[in-house]
Amino acid sequence: MQAAPDPAVLQRAQVDERVLVSADTDFGALLSRSRATGPSVLLIRRLAGRRAAEQSAIILANLDQIAEDLTAGAVVVVGDDWIRIRRLPMPG
């Protein structure tokens, strides 16, 4: 789905009941505009230049803190040393 349009990626994640992991902030904006309740999105910010193993280690280190929100429906933004959580639906 790498070349699929963002709405199609969101729809697929929703149907498959998956959390979408991305660095693309467009997914959060689409969820906000549509006032959707899912899928959850985990946005990776300011981790540029880090290898995939380092990025996944940061996600795994914080998973206990964000798992409930991701299960309930949220946009979770993870930075180098911070986390922001917005539950869905978000105001448009």
PDB file of N, CA and C in Angstrom:
ATOM      1  N   MET A   1       0.814  -1.191   0.000  1.00  0.00           N
ATOM      2  CA  MET A   1       0.000   0.000   0.000  1.00  0.00           C
ATOM      3  C   MET A   1       0.859   1.258   0.000  1.00  0.00           C
ATOM      4  N   GLN A   2       2.123   1.101  -0.237  1.00  0.00           N
ATOM      5  CA  GLN A   2       3.054   2.230  -0.183  1.00  0.00           C
ATOM      6  C   GLN A   2       2.667   3.366  -1.129  1.00  0.00           C
ATOM      7  N   ALA A   3       2.125   3.043  -2.297  1.00  0.00           N
ATOM      8  CA  ALA A   3       1.765   4.073  -3.272  1.00  0.00           C
ATOM      9  C   ALA A   3       0.280   4.447  -3.196  1.00  0.00           C
ATOM     10  N   ALA A   4      -0.454   3.844  -2.268  1.00  0.00           N
ATOM     11  CA  ALA A   4      -1.888   4.112  -2.163  1.00  0.00           C
ATOM     12  C   ALA A   4      -2.127   5.500  -1.585  1.00  0.00           C
ATOM     13  N   PRO A   5      -3.226   6.140  -1.977  1.00  0.00           N
ATOM     14  CA  PRO A   5      -3.560   7.445  -1.390  1.00  0.00           C
ATOM     15  C   PRO A   5      -3.844   7.307   0.107  1.00  0.00           C
ATOM     16  N   ASP A   6      -3.586   8.374   0.855  1.00  0.00           N
ATOM     17  CA  ASP A   6      -3.747   8.340   2.311  1.00  0.00           C
ATOM     18  C   ASP A   6      -5.129   7.859   2.764  1.00  0.00           C
ATOM     19  N   PRO A   7      -6.226   8.331   2.161  1.00  0.00           N
ATOM     20  CA  PRO A   7      -7.543   7.828   2.608  1.00  0.00           C
ATOM     21  C   PRO A   7      -7.684   6.314   2.451  1.00  0.00           C
ATOM     22  N   ALA A   8      -7.094   5.747   1.403  1.00  0.00           N
ATOM     23  CA  ALA A   8      -7.167   4.297   1.206  1.00  0.00           C
ATOM     24  C   ALA A   8      -6.355   3.561   2.269  1.00  0.00           C
ATOM     25  N   VAL A   9      -5.233   4.126   2.653  1.00  0.00           N
ATOM     26  CA  VAL A   9      -4.401   3.523   3.699  1.00  0.00           C
ATOM     27  C   VAL A   9      -5.151   3.542   5.030  1.00  0.00           C
ATOM     28  N   LEU A  10      -5.772   4.676   5.352  1.00  0.00           N
ATOM     29  CA  LEU A  10      -6.565   4.771   6.585  1.00  0.00           C
ATOM     30  C   LEU A  10      -7.711   3.764   6.584  1.00  0.00           C
ATOM     31  N   GLN A  11      -8.403   3.656   5.456  1.00  0.00           N
ATOM     32  CA  GLN A  11      -9.528   2.724   5.364  1.00  0.00           C
ATOM     33  C   GLN A  11      -9.059   1.289   5.568  1.00  0.00           C
ATOM     34  N   ARG A  12      -7.942   0.935   4.966  1.00  0.00           N
ATOM     35  CA  ARG A  12      -7.414  -0.428   5.101  1.00  0.00           C
ATOM     36  C   ARG A  12      -7.037  -0.723   6.548  1.00  0.00           C
ATOM     37  N   ALA A  13      -6.399   0.246   7.213  1.00  0.00           N
ATOM     38  CA  ALA A  13      -6.041   0.059   8.617  1.00  0.00           C
ATOM     39  C   ALA A  13      -7.293  -0.110   9.476  1.00  0.00           C
ATOM     40  N   GLN A  14      -8.334   0.649   9.164  1.00  0.00           N
ATOM     41  CA  GLN A  14      -9.594   0.556   9.910  1.00  0.00           C
ATOM     42  C   GLN A  14     -10.229  -0.813   9.714  1.00  0.00           C
ATOM     43  N   VAL A  15     -10.329  -1.258   8.479  1.00  0.00           N
ATOM     44  CA  VAL A  15     -10.946  -2.555   8.173  1.00  0.00           C
ATOM     45  C   VAL A  15     -10.164  -3.695   8.820  1.00  0.00           C
ATOM     46  N   ASP A  16      -8.829  -3.605   8.777  1.00  0.00           N
ATOM     47  CA  ASP A  16      -7.976  -4.662   9.332  1.00  0.00           C
ATOM     48  C   ASP A  16      -7.753  -4.523  10.837  1.00  0.00           C
ATOM     49  N   GLU A  17      -8.342  -3.477  11.449  1.00  0.00           N
ATOM     50  CA  GLU A  17      -8.194  -3.205  12.876  1.00  0.00           C
ATOM     51  C   GLU A  17      -6.730  -3.125  13.277  1.00  0.00           C
ATOM     52  N   ARG A  18      -5.992  -2.303  12.535  1.00  0.00           N
ATOM     53  CA  ARG A  18      -4.558  -2.125  12.779  1.00  0.00           C
ATOM     54  C   ARG A  18      -4.266  -0.686  13.191  1.00  0.00           C
ATOM     55  N   VAL A  19      -3.144  -0.514  13.846  1.00  0.00           N
ATOM     56  CA  VAL A  19      -2.632   0.816  14.149  1.00  0.00           C
ATOM     57  C   VAL A  19      -1.706   1.203  13.013  1.00  0.00           C
ATOM     58  N   LEU A  20      -1.908   2.382  12.481  1.00  0.00           N
ATOM     59  CA  LEU A  20      -1.082   2.886  11.395  1.00  0.00           C
ATOM     60  C   LEU A  20       0.121   3.609  11.992  1.00  0.00           C
ATOM     61  N   VAL A  21       1.320   3.186  11.633  1.00  0.00           N
ATOM     62  CA  VAL A  21       2.551   3.815  12.108  1.00  0.00           C
ATOM     63  C   VAL A  21       3.156   4.578  10.943  1.00  0.00           C
ATOM     64  N   SER A  22       3.404   5.870  11.147  1.00  0.00           N
ATOM     65  CA  SER A  22       3.867   6.714  10.041  1.00  0.00           C
ATOM     66  C   SER A  22       4.595   7.936  10.573  1.00  0.00           C
ATOM     67  N   ALA A  23       5.301   8.606   9.687  1.00  0.00           N
ATOM     68  CA  ALA A  23       5.876   9.919   9.984  1.00  0.00           C
ATOM     69  C   ALA A  23       5.077  11.004   9.264  1.00  0.00           C
ATOM     70  N   ASP A  24       4.060  10.600   8.528  1.00  0.00           N
ATOM     71  CA  ASP A  24       3.259  11.507   7.701  1.00  0.00           C
ATOM     72  C   ASP A  24       2.124  12.109   8.526  1.00  0.00           C
ATOM     73  N   THR A  25       2.207  13.405   8.795  1.00  0.00           N
ATOM     74  CA  THR A  25       1.194  14.079   9.615  1.00  0.00           C
ATOM     75  C   THR A  25      -0.149  14.225   8.899  1.00  0.00           C
ATOM     76  N   ASP A  26      -0.191  13.950   7.614  1.00  0.00           N
ATOM     77  CA  ASP A  26      -1.452  14.032   6.878  1.00  0.00           C
ATOM     78  C   ASP A  26      -2.509  13.093   7.459  1.00  0.00           C
ATOM     79  N   PHE A  27      -2.087  11.955   8.020  1.00  0.00           N
ATOM     80  CA  PHE A  27      -3.058  11.006   8.562  1.00  0.00           C
ATOM     81  C   PHE A  27      -3.818  11.614   9.736  1.00  0.00           C
ATOM     82  N   GLY A  28      -3.133  12.311  10.612  1.00  0.00           N
ATOM     83  CA  GLY A  28      -3.800  12.976  11.723  1.00  0.00           C
ATOM     84  C   GLY A  28      -4.765  14.044  11.246  1.00  0.00           C
ATOM     85  N   ALA A  29      -4.355  14.797  10.237  1.00  0.00           N
ATOM     86  CA  ALA A  29      -5.226  15.847   9.684  1.00  0.00           C
ATOM     87  C   ALA A  29      -6.476  15.238   9.058  1.00  0.00           C
ATOM     88  N   LEU A  30      -6.326  14.136   8.339  1.00  0.00           N
ATOM     89  CA  LEU A  30      -7.485  13.470   7.732  1.00  0.00           C
ATOM     90  C   LEU A  30      -8.461  12.969   8.800  1.00  0.00           C
ATOM     91  N   LEU A  31      -7.932  12.403   9.865  1.00  0.00           N
ATOM     92  CA  LEU A  31      -8.793  11.916  10.938  1.00  0.00           C
ATOM     93  C   LEU A  31      -9.507  13.071  11.627  1.00  0.00           C
ATOM     94  N   SER A  32      -8.809  14.174  11.806  1.00  0.00           N
ATOM     95  CA  SER A  32      -9.414  15.341  12.440  1.00  0.00           C
ATOM     96  C   SER A  32     -10.541  15.905  11.591  1.00  0.00           C
ATOM     97  N   ARG A  33     -10.286  16.062  10.295  1.00  0.00           N
ATOM     98  CA  ARG A  33     -11.309  16.620   9.397  1.00  0.00           C
ATOM     99  C   ARG A  33     -12.531  15.731   9.302  1.00  0.00           C
ATOM    100  N   SER A  34     -12.330  14.429   9.315  1.00  0.00           N
ATOM    101  CA  SER A  34     -13.450  13.501   9.136  1.00  0.00           C
ATOM    102  C   SER A  34     -14.154  13.163  10.449  1.00  0.00           C
ATOM    103  N   ARG A  35     -13.535  13.564  11.572  1.00  0.00           N
ATOM    104  CA  ARG A  35     -14.058  13.240  12.897  1.00  0.00           C
ATOM    105  C   ARG A  35     -14.224  11.723  13.078  1.00  0.00           C
ATOM    106  N   ALA A  36     -13.348  10.971  12.440  1.00  0.00           N
ATOM    107  CA  ALA A  36     -13.389   9.510  12.506  1.00  0.00           C
ATOM    108  C   ALA A  36     -12.983   9.021  13.899  1.00  0.00           C
ATOM    109  N   THR A  37     -13.437   7.840  14.233  1.00  0.00           N
ATOM    110  CA  THR A  37     -13.079   7.224  15.507  1.00  0.00           C
ATOM    111  C   THR A  37     -11.960   6.201  15.355  1.00  0.00           C
ATOM    112  N   GLY A  38     -11.462   6.039  14.165  1.00  0.00           N
ATOM    113  CA  GLY A  38     -10.372   5.095  13.916  1.00  0.00           C
ATOM    114  C   GLY A  38      -9.946   5.171  12.478  1.00  0.00           C
ATOM    115  N   PRO A  39      -8.847   4.597  12.176  1.00  0.00           N
ATOM    116  CA  PRO A  39      -7.973   3.784  13.015  1.00  0.00           C
ATOM    117  C   PRO A  39      -7.058   4.659  13.868  1.00  0.00           C
ATOM    118  N   SER A  40      -6.430   4.045  14.841  1.00  0.00           N
ATOM    119  CA  SER A  40      -5.416   4.756  15.607  1.00  0.00           C
ATOM    120  C   SER A  40      -4.193   4.949  14.734  1.00  0.00           C
ATOM    121  N   VAL A  41      -3.508   6.061  14.975  1.00  0.00           N
ATOM    122  CA  VAL A  41      -2.293   6.385  14.222  1.00  0.00           C
ATOM    123  C   VAL A  41      -1.188   6.696  15.211  1.00  0.00           C
ATOM    124  N   LEU A  42      -0.036   6.102  14.998  1.00  0.00           N
ATOM    125  CA  LEU A  42       1.161   6.387  15.777  1.00  0.00           C
ATOM    126  C   LEU A  42       2.110   7.157  14.871  1.00  0.00           C
ATOM    127  N   LEU A  43       2.256   8.447  15.156  1.00  0.00           N
ATOM    128  CA  LEU A  43       3.123   9.302  14.343  1.00  0.00           C
ATOM    129  C   LEU A  43       4.500   9.399  14.982  1.00  0.00           C
ATOM    130  N   ILE A  44       5.506   9.196  14.183  1.00  0.00           N
ATOM    131  CA  ILE A  44       6.885   9.281  14.642  1.00  0.00           C
ATOM    132  C   ILE A  44       7.432  10.633  14.224  1.00  0.00           C
ATOM    133  N   ARG A  45       7.828  11.458  15.180  1.00  0.00           N
ATOM    134  CA  ARG A  45       8.338  12.798  14.904  1.00  0.00           C
ATOM    135  C   ARG A  45       9.742  12.947  15.479  1.00  0.00           C
ATOM    136  N   ARG A  46      10.532  13.711  14.795  1.00  0.00           N
ATOM    137  CA  ARG A  46      11.885  14.054  15.241  1.00  0.00           C
ATOM    138  C   ARG A  46      12.753  12.842  15.525  1.00  0.00           C
ATOM    139  N   LEU A  47      12.483  11.785  14.840  1.00  0.00           N
ATOM    140  CA  LEU A  47      13.330  10.601  14.947  1.00  0.00           C
ATOM    141  C   LEU A  47      14.088  10.403  13.641  1.00  0.00           C
ATOM    142  N   ALA A  48      14.114  11.473  12.825  1.00  0.00           N
ATOM    143  CA  ALA A  48      14.769  11.399  11.519  1.00  0.00           C
ATOM    144  C   ALA A  48      16.236  11.040  11.690  1.00  0.00           C
ATOM    145  N   GLY A  49      16.714  10.274  10.776  1.00  0.00           N
ATOM    146  CA  GLY A  49      18.115   9.875  10.810  1.00  0.00           C
ATOM    147  C   GLY A  49      18.357   8.648  11.668  1.00  0.00           C
ATOM    148  N   ARG A  50      17.372   8.249  12.420  1.00  0.00           N
ATOM    149  CA  ARG A  50      17.522   7.046  13.235  1.00  0.00           C
ATOM    150  C   ARG A  50      17.180   5.830  12.380  1.00  0.00           C
ATOM    151  N   ARG A  51      17.857   4.781  12.647  1.00  0.00           N
ATOM    152  CA  ARG A  51      17.585   3.535  11.924  1.00  0.00           C
ATOM    153  C   ARG A  51      16.277   2.929  12.415  1.00  0.00           C
ATOM    154  N   ALA A  52      15.735   2.068  11.585  1.00  0.00           N
ATOM    155  CA  ALA A  52      14.451   1.434  11.919  1.00  0.00           C
ATOM    156  C   ALA A  52      14.515   0.735  13.279  1.00  0.00           C
ATOM    157  N   ALA A  53      15.618   0.089  13.585  1.00  0.00           N
ATOM    158  CA  ALA A  53      15.751  -0.604  14.870  1.00  0.00           C
ATOM    159  C   ALA A  53      15.679   0.383  16.029  1.00  0.00           C
ATOM    160  N   GLU A  54      16.260   1.556  15.877  1.00  0.00           N
ATOM    161  CA  GLU A  54      16.213   2.580  16.924  1.00  0.00           C
ATOM    162  C   GLU A  54      14.794   3.126  17.075  1.00  0.00           C
ATOM    163  N   GLN A  55      14.129   3.363  15.947  1.00  0.00           N
ATOM    164  CA  GLN A  55      12.757   3.851  15.995  1.00  0.00           C
ATOM    165  C   GLN A  55      11.845   2.838  16.670  1.00  0.00           C
ATOM    166  N   SER A  56      11.985   1.580  16.304  1.00  0.00           N
ATOM    167  CA  SER A  56      11.133   0.554  16.908  1.00  0.00           C
ATOM    168  C   SER A  56      11.439   0.409  18.399  1.00  0.00           C
ATOM    169  N   ALA A  57      12.684   0.575  18.802  1.00  0.00           N
ATOM    170  CA  ALA A  57      13.034   0.499  20.224  1.00  0.00           C
ATOM    171  C   ALA A  57      12.351   1.618  21.008  1.00  0.00           C
ATOM    172  N   ILE A  58      12.289   2.824  20.439  1.00  0.00           N
ATOM    173  CA  ILE A  58      11.614   3.941  21.098  1.00  0.00           C
ATOM    174  C   ILE A  58      10.123   3.653  21.223  1.00  0.00           C
ATOM    175  N   ILE A  59       9.531   3.118  20.155  1.00  0.00           N
ATOM    176  CA  ILE A  59       8.101   2.777  20.201  1.00  0.00           C
ATOM    177  C   ILE A  59       7.857   1.709  21.270  1.00  0.00           C
ATOM    178  N   LEU A  60       8.650   0.655  21.259  1.00  0.00           N
ATOM    179  CA  LEU A  60       8.462  -0.428  22.224  1.00  0.00           C
ATOM    180  C   LEU A  60       8.683   0.036  23.660  1.00  0.00           C
ATOM    181  N   ALA A  61       9.626   0.943  23.867  1.00  0.00           N
ATOM    182  CA  ALA A  61       9.894   1.457  25.209  1.00  0.00           C
ATOM    183  C   ALA A  61       8.709   2.242  25.757  1.00  0.00           C
ATOM    184  N   ASN A  62       7.881   2.781  24.894  1.00  0.00           N
ATOM    185  CA  ASN A  62       6.732   3.589  25.309  1.00  0.00           C
ATOM    186  C   ASN A  62       5.399   2.880  25.127  1.00  0.00           C
ATOM    187  N   LEU A  63       5.409   1.657  24.652  1.00  0.00           N
ATOM    188  CA  LEU A  63       4.170   0.968  24.301  1.00  0.00           C
ATOM    189  C   LEU A  63       3.227   0.798  25.489  1.00  0.00           C
ATOM    190  N   ASP A  64       3.750   0.477  26.656  1.00  0.00           N
ATOM    191  CA  ASP A  64       2.881   0.323  27.829  1.00  0.00           C
ATOM    192  C   ASP A  64       2.116   1.608  28.122  1.00  0.00           C
ATOM    193  N   GLN A  65       2.756   2.743  27.914  1.00  0.00           N
ATOM    194  CA  GLN A  65       2.150   4.040  28.201  1.00  0.00           C
ATOM    195  C   GLN A  65       1.063   4.414  27.201  1.00  0.00           C
ATOM    196  N   ILE A  66       1.161   3.927  25.960  1.00  0.00           N
ATOM    197  CA  ILE A  66       0.243   4.362  24.903  1.00  0.00           C
ATOM    198  C   ILE A  66      -0.720   3.276  24.422  1.00  0.00           C
ATOM    199  N   ALA A  67      -0.554   2.050  24.868  1.00  0.00           N
ATOM    200  CA  ALA A  67      -1.343   0.924  24.349  1.00  0.00           C
ATOM    201  C   ALA A  67      -2.841   1.119  24.542  1.00  0.00           C
ATOM    202  N   GLU A  68      -3.255   1.568  25.708  1.00  0.00           N
ATOM    203  CA  GLU A  68      -4.684   1.750  25.972  1.00  0.00           C
ATOM    204  C   GLU A  68      -5.285   2.791  25.030  1.00  0.00           C
ATOM    205  N   ASP A  69      -4.566   3.891  24.810  1.00  0.00           N
ATOM    206  CA  ASP A  69      -5.059   4.927  23.904  1.00  0.00           C
ATOM    207  C   ASP A  69      -5.151   4.404  22.473  1.00  0.00           C
ATOM    208  N   LEU A  70      -4.136   3.662  22.028  1.00  0.00           N
ATOM    209  CA  LEU A  70      -4.151   3.121  20.668  1.00  0.00           C
ATOM    210  C   LEU A  70      -5.302   2.134  20.492  1.00  0.00           C
ATOM    211  N   THR A  71      -5.594   1.369  21.528  1.00  0.00           N
ATOM    212  CA  THR A  71      -6.704   0.413  21.463  1.00  0.00           C
ATOM    213  C   THR A  71      -8.043   1.132  21.408  1.00  0.00           C
ATOM    214  N   ALA A  72      -8.169   2.234  22.144  1.00  0.00           N
ATOM    215  CA  ALA A  72      -9.430   2.976  22.214  1.00  0.00           C
ATOM    216  C   ALA A  72      -9.673   3.845  20.986  1.00  0.00           C
ATOM    217  N   GLY A  73      -8.606   4.220  20.287  1.00  0.00           N
ATOM    218  CA  GLY A  73      -8.705   5.110  19.133  1.00  0.00           C
ATOM    219  C   GLY A  73      -8.061   6.443  19.444  1.00  0.00           C
ATOM    220  N   ALA A  74      -6.884   6.675  18.888  1.00  0.00           N
ATOM    221  CA  ALA A  74      -6.151   7.901  19.192  1.00  0.00           C
ATOM    222  C   ALA A  74      -5.107   8.167  18.122  1.00  0.00           C
ATOM    223  N   VAL A  75      -4.666   9.418  18.108  1.00  0.00           N
ATOM    224  CA  VAL A  75      -3.470   9.780  17.363  1.00  0.00           C
ATOM    225  C   VAL A  75      -2.400  10.006  18.424  1.00  0.00           C
ATOM    226  N   VAL A  76      -1.359   9.208  18.386  1.00  0.00           N
ATOM    227  CA  VAL A  76      -0.269   9.292  19.348  1.00  0.00           C
ATOM    228  C   VAL A  76       0.967   9.752  18.594  1.00  0.00           C
ATOM    229  N   VAL A  77       1.557  10.828  19.080  1.00  0.00           N
ATOM    230  CA  VAL A  77       2.747  11.381  18.447  1.00  0.00           C
ATOM    231  C   VAL A  77       3.919  11.131  19.385  1.00  0.00           C
ATOM    232  N   VAL A  78       4.944  10.436  18.878  1.00  0.00           N
ATOM    233  CA  VAL A  78       6.116  10.101  19.680  1.00  0.00           C
ATOM    234  C   VAL A  78       7.309  10.850  19.113  1.00  0.00           C
ATOM    235  N   GLY A  79       7.952  11.635  19.960  1.00  0.00           N
ATOM    236  CA  GLY A  79       9.176  12.345  19.589  1.00  0.00           C
ATOM    237  C   GLY A  79      10.361  11.726  20.308  1.00  0.00           C
ATOM    238  N   ASP A  80      11.500  12.381  20.211  1.00  0.00           N
ATOM    239  CA  ASP A  80      12.701  11.853  20.848  1.00  0.00           C
ATOM    240  C   ASP A  80      12.531  11.671  22.352  1.00  0.00           C
ATOM    241  N   ASP A  81      11.887  12.634  23.011  1.00  0.00           N
ATOM    242  CA  ASP A  81      11.743  12.548  24.465  1.00  0.00           C
ATOM    243  C   ASP A  81      10.382  13.060  24.939  1.00  0.00           C
ATOM    244  N   TRP A  82       9.368  12.903  24.116  1.00  0.00           N
ATOM    245  CA  TRP A  82       8.025  13.354  24.479  1.00  0.00           C
ATOM    246  C   TRP A  82       6.972  12.539  23.750  1.00  0.00           C
ATOM    247  N   ILE A  83       5.769  12.557  24.301  1.00  0.00           N
ATOM    248  CA  ILE A  83       4.614  11.867  23.707  1.00  0.00           C
ATOM    249  C   ILE A  83       3.407  12.792  23.832  1.00  0.00           C
ATOM    250  N   ARG A  84       2.625  12.870  22.759  1.00  0.00           N
ATOM    251  CA  ARG A  84       1.362  13.614  22.795  1.00  0.00           C
ATOM    252  C   ARG A  84       0.254  12.660  22.336  1.00  0.00           C
ATOM    253  N   ILE A  85      -0.851  12.666  23.060  1.00  0.00           N
ATOM    254  CA  ILE A  85      -1.953  11.751  22.764  1.00  0.00           C
ATOM    255  C   ILE A  85      -3.228  12.563  22.580  1.00  0.00           C
ATOM    256  N   ARG A  86      -3.903  12.300  21.475  1.00  0.00           N
ATOM    257  CA  ARG A  86      -5.212  12.910  21.220  1.00  0.00           C
ATOM    258  C   ARG A  86      -6.185  11.791  20.908  1.00  0.00           C
ATOM    259  N   ARG A  87      -7.198  11.655  21.722  1.00  0.00           N
ATOM    260  CA  ARG A  87      -8.207  10.615  21.509  1.00  0.00           C
ATOM    261  C   ARG A  87      -9.093  10.976  20.322  1.00  0.00           C
ATOM    262  N   LEU A  88      -9.570   9.956  19.639  1.00  0.00           N
ATOM    263  CA  LEU A  88     -10.487  10.132  18.517  1.00  0.00           C
ATOM    264  C   LEU A  88     -11.918  10.027  19.011  1.00  0.00           C
ATOM    265  N   PRO A  89     -12.861  10.733  18.415  1.00  0.00           N
ATOM    266  CA  PRO A  89     -12.662  11.666  17.306  1.00  0.00           C
ATOM    267  C   PRO A  89     -12.080  12.991  17.796  1.00  0.00           C
ATOM    268  N   MET A  90     -11.268  13.602  16.951  1.00  0.00           N
ATOM    269  CA  MET A  90     -10.685  14.905  17.252  1.00  0.00           C
ATOM    270  C   MET A  90     -11.563  15.984  16.666  1.00  0.00           C
ATOM    271  N   PRO A  91     -11.592  17.148  17.290  1.00  0.00           N
ATOM    272  CA  PRO A  91     -12.357  18.254  16.697  1.00  0.00           C
ATOM    273  C   PRO A  91     -11.777  18.643  15.350  1.00  0.00           C
ATOM    274  N   GLY A  92     -12.633  18.979  14.404  1.00  0.00           N
ATOM    275  CA  GLY A  92     -12.202  19.314  13.047  1.00  0.00           C
ATOM    276  C   GLY A  92     -11.605  20.667  12.882  1.00  0.00           C
TER     277      GLY A  92
END
